Amino acid sequence: MKRGISITISNEGETTVEAVGYKGAGCTKATAPLTKALIGTPTSHIKLPAYYQGDHATPVREAQ
């Protein structure tokens, strides 16, 4: 899945920053700079299911 950052600003001025295609702590690392720049101190953090899937790399075995 392609990775990206989705930024939504509602008519009321509420800003949402969401990591798309990330797993585990990569979500937080990817959105942190934008969250700080656009929002400052967030009023809430919502962790989507992908956050709990972890960001483990799949081991690759070399042919012998």
N, C-alpha and C. Protein backbone atom coordinates (compact mmCIF):
# COMPACT_ATOMS: atom_id res chain seq x y z
N MET A 1 0.84 -1.18 0.00
CA MET A 1 0.00 0.00 0.00
C MET A 1 0.88 1.24 0.00
N LYS A 2 0.50 2.21 -0.80
CA LYS A 2 1.22 3.47 -0.89
C LYS A 2 1.04 4.27 0.40
N ARG A 3 2.13 4.87 0.87
CA ARG A 3 2.08 5.68 2.09
C ARG A 3 1.79 7.13 1.77
N GLY A 4 1.10 7.80 2.68
CA GLY A 4 0.81 9.21 2.52
C GLY A 4 0.24 9.79 3.79
N ILE A 5 0.02 11.08 3.78
CA ILE A 5 -0.56 11.80 4.92
C ILE A 5 -1.80 12.52 4.41
N SER A 6 -2.91 12.32 5.12
CA SER A 6 -4.17 12.98 4.78
C SER A 6 -4.44 14.07 5.81
N ILE A 7 -4.68 15.28 5.32
CA ILE A 7 -4.98 16.41 6.21
C ILE A 7 -6.37 16.92 5.85
N THR A 8 -7.24 16.97 6.86
CA THR A 8 -8.61 17.44 6.65
C THR A 8 -8.88 18.60 7.60
N ILE A 9 -9.44 19.68 7.06
CA ILE A 9 -9.84 20.83 7.88
C ILE A 9 -11.33 21.03 7.67
N SER A 10 -12.09 20.88 8.74
CA SER A 10 -13.55 21.00 8.65
C SER A 10 -13.97 22.46 8.53
N ASN A 11 -15.24 22.67 8.23
CA ASN A 11 -15.78 24.03 8.15
C ASN A 11 -15.69 24.75 9.50
N GLU A 12 -15.66 23.98 10.58
CA GLU A 12 -15.56 24.56 11.92
C GLU A 12 -14.11 24.84 12.32
N GLY A 13 -13.15 24.46 11.44
CA GLY A 13 -11.74 24.71 11.73
C GLY A 13 -11.03 23.56 12.41
N GLU A 14 -11.71 22.44 12.62
CA GLU A 14 -11.08 21.27 13.25
C GLU A 14 -10.16 20.60 12.23
N THR A 15 -8.90 20.36 12.62
CA THR A 15 -7.91 19.78 11.72
C THR A 15 -7.63 18.34 12.13
N THR A 16 -7.62 17.46 11.12
CA THR A 16 -7.31 16.05 11.34
C THR A 16 -6.13 15.68 10.46
N VAL A 17 -5.11 15.06 11.06
CA VAL A 17 -3.93 14.58 10.33
C VAL A 17 -3.92 13.07 10.47
N GLU A 18 -3.93 12.35 9.34
CA GLU A 18 -4.01 10.89 9.37
C GLU A 18 -2.93 10.28 8.48
N ALA A 19 -2.22 9.29 9.03
CA ALA A 19 -1.24 8.55 8.25
C ALA A 19 -1.95 7.43 7.49
N VAL A 20 -1.67 7.32 6.21
CA VAL A 20 -2.29 6.29 5.37
C VAL A 20 -1.19 5.36 4.86
N GLY A 21 -1.37 4.06 5.07
CA GLY A 21 -0.39 3.09 4.59
C GLY A 21 0.74 2.80 5.56
N TYR A 22 0.69 3.36 6.75
CA TYR A 22 1.71 3.12 7.78
C TYR A 22 1.19 2.10 8.77
N LYS A 23 2.11 1.42 9.46
CA LYS A 23 1.75 0.49 10.52
C LYS A 23 2.59 0.81 11.75
N GLY A 24 2.05 0.53 12.91
CA GLY A 24 2.78 0.71 14.16
C GLY A 24 3.14 2.16 14.43
N ALA A 25 4.27 2.34 15.10
CA ALA A 25 4.71 3.67 15.51
C ALA A 25 5.07 4.56 14.32
N GLY A 26 5.21 3.98 13.14
CA GLY A 26 5.49 4.77 11.94
C GLY A 26 4.40 5.81 11.67
N CYS A 27 3.17 5.48 12.08
CA CYS A 27 2.06 6.42 11.93
C CYS A 27 2.35 7.72 12.69
N THR A 28 2.71 7.56 13.93
CA THR A 28 2.97 8.72 14.79
C THR A 28 4.18 9.50 14.31
N LYS A 29 5.25 8.79 13.94
CA LYS A 29 6.46 9.46 13.46
C LYS A 29 6.19 10.26 12.19
N ALA A 30 5.37 9.70 11.30
CA ALA A 30 5.09 10.37 10.03
C ALA A 30 4.24 11.63 10.21
N THR A 31 3.32 11.60 11.15
CA THR A 31 2.40 12.73 11.32
C THR A 31 2.86 13.78 12.32
N ALA A 32 3.82 13.45 13.16
CA ALA A 32 4.23 14.37 14.23
C ALA A 32 4.63 15.77 13.74
N PRO A 33 5.48 15.90 12.73
CA PRO A 33 5.87 17.27 12.30
C PRO A 33 4.68 18.08 11.77
N LEU A 34 3.82 17.44 11.00
CA LEU A 34 2.65 18.15 10.47
C LEU A 34 1.66 18.51 11.57
N THR A 35 1.47 17.58 12.50
CA THR A 35 0.56 17.85 13.60
C THR A 35 1.04 19.05 14.40
N LYS A 36 2.34 19.09 14.68
CA LYS A 36 2.90 20.20 15.46
C LYS A 36 2.76 21.52 14.70
N ALA A 37 3.03 21.48 13.41
CA ALA A 37 2.98 22.71 12.60
C ALA A 37 1.55 23.22 12.41
N LEU A 38 0.61 22.31 12.18
CA LEU A 38 -0.76 22.72 11.88
C LEU A 38 -1.65 22.91 13.11
N ILE A 39 -1.41 22.09 14.12
CA ILE A 39 -2.31 22.07 15.28
C ILE A 39 -1.65 22.60 16.53
N GLY A 40 -0.35 22.36 16.67
CA GLY A 40 0.32 22.70 17.93
C GLY A 40 0.15 21.55 18.89
N THR A 41 -0.65 21.74 19.92
CA THR A 41 -0.93 20.67 20.88
C THR A 41 -2.29 20.06 20.54
N PRO A 42 -2.30 18.78 20.12
CA PRO A 42 -3.58 18.15 19.76
C PRO A 42 -4.51 18.01 20.95
N THR A 43 -5.80 18.06 20.68
CA THR A 43 -6.78 17.85 21.75
C THR A 43 -7.07 16.37 21.95
N SER A 44 -6.75 15.55 20.94
CA SER A 44 -6.93 14.10 21.08
C SER A 44 -6.08 13.36 20.07
N HIS A 45 -5.81 12.09 20.38
CA HIS A 45 -5.10 11.18 19.48
C HIS A 45 -5.99 9.97 19.30
N ILE A 46 -6.25 9.61 18.06
CA ILE A 46 -7.03 8.41 17.78
C ILE A 46 -6.14 7.47 17.00
N LYS A 47 -5.89 6.30 17.57
CA LYS A 47 -5.06 5.31 16.91
C LYS A 47 -5.95 4.36 16.13
N LEU A 48 -5.72 4.29 14.82
CA LEU A 48 -6.49 3.42 13.94
C LEU A 48 -5.95 1.98 14.03
N PRO A 49 -6.69 1.00 13.55
CA PRO A 49 -6.25 -0.39 13.65
C PRO A 49 -4.84 -0.66 13.11
N ALA A 50 -4.41 0.06 12.08
CA ALA A 50 -3.07 -0.15 11.51
C ALA A 50 -1.98 0.12 12.54
N TYR A 51 -2.24 1.01 13.49
CA TYR A 51 -1.25 1.30 14.54
C TYR A 51 -0.92 0.05 15.34
N TYR A 52 -1.92 -0.76 15.59
CA TYR A 52 -1.75 -1.94 16.42
C TYR A 52 -1.23 -3.15 15.64
N GLN A 53 -1.06 -3.01 14.33
CA GLN A 53 -0.52 -4.11 13.53
C GLN A 53 0.99 -4.18 13.63
N GLY A 54 1.61 -3.19 14.16
CA GLY A 54 3.06 -3.18 14.31
C GLY A 54 3.74 -2.76 13.03
N ASP A 55 5.03 -2.45 13.15
CA ASP A 55 5.80 -2.03 11.98
C ASP A 55 7.00 -2.95 11.80
N HIS A 56 6.76 -4.23 11.96
CA HIS A 56 7.82 -5.22 11.85
C HIS A 56 8.14 -5.48 10.38
N ALA A 57 9.39 -5.58 10.09
CA ALA A 57 9.80 -5.93 8.73
C ALA A 57 9.67 -7.44 8.54
N THR A 58 9.28 -7.85 7.37
CA THR A 58 9.20 -9.27 7.06
C THR A 58 10.59 -9.77 6.72
N PRO A 59 11.07 -10.78 7.46
CA PRO A 59 12.43 -11.27 7.17
C PRO A 59 12.49 -11.93 5.80
N VAL A 60 13.60 -11.72 5.12
CA VAL A 60 13.81 -12.31 3.80
C VAL A 60 14.99 -13.26 3.89
N ARG A 61 14.78 -14.48 3.42
CA ARG A 61 15.86 -15.46 3.46
C ARG A 61 16.55 -15.50 2.10
N GLU A 62 17.87 -15.54 2.14
CA GLU A 62 18.62 -15.61 0.90
C GLU A 62 18.70 -17.05 0.43
N ALA A 63 18.71 -17.23 -0.87
CA ALA A 63 18.86 -18.58 -1.44
C ALA A 63 20.27 -19.07 -1.15
N GLN A 64 20.39 -20.34 -0.83
CA GLN A 64 21.71 -20.90 -0.51
C GLN A 64 22.18 -21.84 -1.58
